[in-house]
Amino acid sequence: YPGQNMGLTLNQVKDLVEAAPKVVGTTFTSIAGTVNPNVQIPATAKYILGFAFAGTPAGTDQFDLLINEERAIDNGAVEVYEAQAGKPLEGYFPFIRPVAGATAINLNYTSLAGGQTVLFQITYV
């Protein structure tokens, strides 16, 4: 197994893989109004580390992020959380939240102009 050549035991390698960040994303097309793309993380996720937007969102697009019915972000500016060259360094904007197998993530994405391809990506462990 990879990692064993570093002198790690099989259990240490499994722990290393389990603790490694993973990414899940969803791609959608914006509309003139609000769209609610399907966002799901695996039941094995323990923590959301952060998220980022990519694609071609309009500069005025906004979003609400609800995690288990808690309004974690209200009227957030997509432009602030947009992945661009050199920003953010980690590949995501830190936004740590504990999650469990039945965590509901709702993204309400509002745009004045439709037809933009948007990628919403969550990094988790």
Protein backbone atom coordinates (compact mmCIF):
# COMPACT_ATOMS: atom_id res chain seq x y z
CA TYR A 1 0.00 0.00 0.00
CA PRO A 2 1.17 3.57 -0.61
CA GLY A 3 2.65 4.93 2.60
CA GLN A 4 4.02 1.63 3.77
CA ASN A 5 7.25 2.46 1.95
CA MET A 6 7.51 5.31 4.50
CA GLY A 7 7.51 2.76 7.33
CA LEU A 8 3.83 3.18 8.22
CA THR A 9 1.69 0.26 9.31
CA LEU A 10 -1.42 -0.66 7.36
CA ASN A 11 -3.61 0.91 10.06
CA GLN A 12 -1.58 4.13 9.95
CA VAL A 13 -2.02 4.25 6.16
CA LYS A 14 -5.79 3.75 6.55
CA ASP A 15 -5.90 6.57 9.12
CA LEU A 16 -3.91 8.81 6.78
CA VAL A 17 -6.31 8.16 3.90
CA GLU A 18 -9.34 8.68 6.13
CA ALA A 19 -8.02 12.04 7.35
CA ALA A 20 -7.12 13.26 3.84
CA PRO A 21 -9.31 16.05 2.44
CA LYS A 22 -11.82 15.02 -0.20
CA VAL A 23 -13.84 17.12 -2.63
CA VAL A 24 -17.37 16.90 -3.98
CA GLY A 25 -18.84 19.36 -6.44
CA THR A 26 -21.97 20.11 -8.36
CA THR A 27 -22.29 22.00 -11.63
CA PHE A 28 -25.41 23.95 -12.54
CA THR A 29 -26.60 26.73 -14.82
CA SER A 30 -27.84 29.94 -13.23
CA ILE A 31 -31.20 31.42 -14.09
CA ALA A 32 -32.56 34.95 -13.74
CA GLY A 33 -33.85 34.28 -10.24
CA THR A 34 -33.06 31.59 -7.68
CA VAL A 35 -31.97 28.03 -8.38
CA ASN A 36 -31.48 25.30 -5.76
CA PRO A 37 -28.83 22.88 -7.04
CA ASN A 38 -28.56 19.44 -5.49
CA VAL A 39 -25.61 19.41 -3.05
CA GLN A 40 -24.74 16.17 -1.30
CA ILE A 41 -21.76 15.02 0.70
CA PRO A 42 -21.07 11.36 1.47
CA ALA A 43 -22.35 9.87 4.72
CA THR A 44 -18.72 9.22 5.71
CA ALA A 45 -17.95 12.97 5.93
CA LYS A 46 -17.11 14.21 9.43
CA TYR A 47 -16.27 17.88 8.82
CA ILE A 48 -16.78 20.38 6.05
CA LEU A 49 -13.46 22.18 5.70
CA GLY A 50 -14.63 24.80 3.23
CA PHE A 51 -16.04 25.53 -0.19
CA ALA A 52 -15.47 27.53 -3.36
CA PHE A 53 -17.33 28.67 -6.45
CA ALA A 54 -15.84 28.41 -9.95
CA GLY A 55 -17.02 28.61 -13.52
CA THR A 56 -18.48 31.84 -14.88
CA PRO A 57 -20.73 33.28 -12.17
CA ALA A 58 -21.88 36.88 -12.63
CA GLY A 59 -20.27 39.46 -10.36
CA THR A 60 -23.60 40.28 -8.71
CA ASP A 61 -24.65 36.69 -7.91
CA GLN A 62 -25.57 35.93 -4.29
CA PHE A 63 -26.23 32.78 -2.31
CA ASP A 64 -27.64 31.44 0.93
CA LEU A 65 -26.05 28.35 2.43
CA LEU A 66 -28.11 26.32 4.88
CA ILE A 67 -26.59 23.40 6.76
CA ASN A 68 -29.17 21.33 8.62
CA GLU A 69 -31.65 24.23 8.39
CA GLU A 70 -29.13 26.63 9.99
CA ARG A 71 -28.58 29.67 7.77
CA ALA A 72 -24.80 29.47 7.79
CA ILE A 73 -24.40 32.19 5.12
CA ASP A 74 -27.13 34.71 4.32
CA ASN A 75 -26.90 36.80 1.14
CA GLY A 76 -23.27 35.87 0.56
CA ALA A 77 -21.51 37.40 -2.44
CA VAL A 78 -20.39 34.62 -4.80
CA GLU A 79 -17.55 36.87 -5.97
CA VAL A 80 -15.97 36.73 -2.49
CA TYR A 81 -15.87 32.90 -2.51
CA GLU A 82 -14.83 32.48 -6.13
CA ALA A 83 -11.72 30.41 -6.83
CA GLN A 84 -9.31 32.37 -8.97
CA ALA A 85 -5.58 32.15 -9.64
CA GLY A 86 -3.79 32.43 -6.31
CA LYS A 87 -7.00 32.69 -4.28
CA PRO A 88 -7.53 30.73 -2.09
CA LEU A 89 -4.23 28.96 -1.47
CA GLU A 90 -5.88 25.81 -0.05
CA GLY A 91 -8.20 25.45 -3.05
CA TYR A 92 -11.19 26.35 -0.89
CA PHE A 93 -12.33 29.06 1.50
CA PRO A 94 -12.22 27.75 5.09
CA PHE A 95 -15.69 27.25 6.56
CA ILE A 96 -15.41 24.46 9.15
CA ARG A 97 -18.63 22.72 10.17
CA PRO A 98 -19.15 19.30 11.79
CA VAL A 99 -21.45 17.06 9.76
CA ALA A 100 -23.03 13.64 10.06
CA GLY A 101 -24.46 11.08 7.66
CA ALA A 102 -27.83 12.81 7.40
CA THR A 103 -26.54 16.37 6.96
CA ALA A 104 -28.76 18.45 4.68
CA ILE A 105 -26.96 21.09 2.62
CA ASN A 106 -29.13 23.59 0.78
CA LEU A 107 -27.67 26.12 -1.63
CA ASN A 108 -30.00 28.90 -2.79
CA TYR A 109 -28.22 30.62 -5.68
CA THR A 110 -29.64 33.91 -6.93
CA SER A 111 -28.59 35.65 -10.14
CA LEU A 112 -29.83 38.68 -12.05
CA ALA A 113 -28.60 37.19 -15.32
CA GLY A 114 -29.15 33.56 -16.24
CA GLY A 115 -27.21 31.17 -18.38
CA GLN A 116 -23.95 31.13 -16.44
CA THR A 117 -22.20 27.83 -15.70
CA VAL A 118 -21.38 27.62 -12.00
CA LEU A 119 -19.46 24.99 -10.05
CA PHE A 120 -19.96 24.75 -6.30
CA GLN A 121 -17.32 22.63 -4.59
CA ILE A 122 -17.13 21.43 -0.97
CA THR A 123 -13.94 20.13 0.65
CA TYR A 124 -14.47 17.74 3.56
CA VAL A 125 -12.86 15.01 5.67
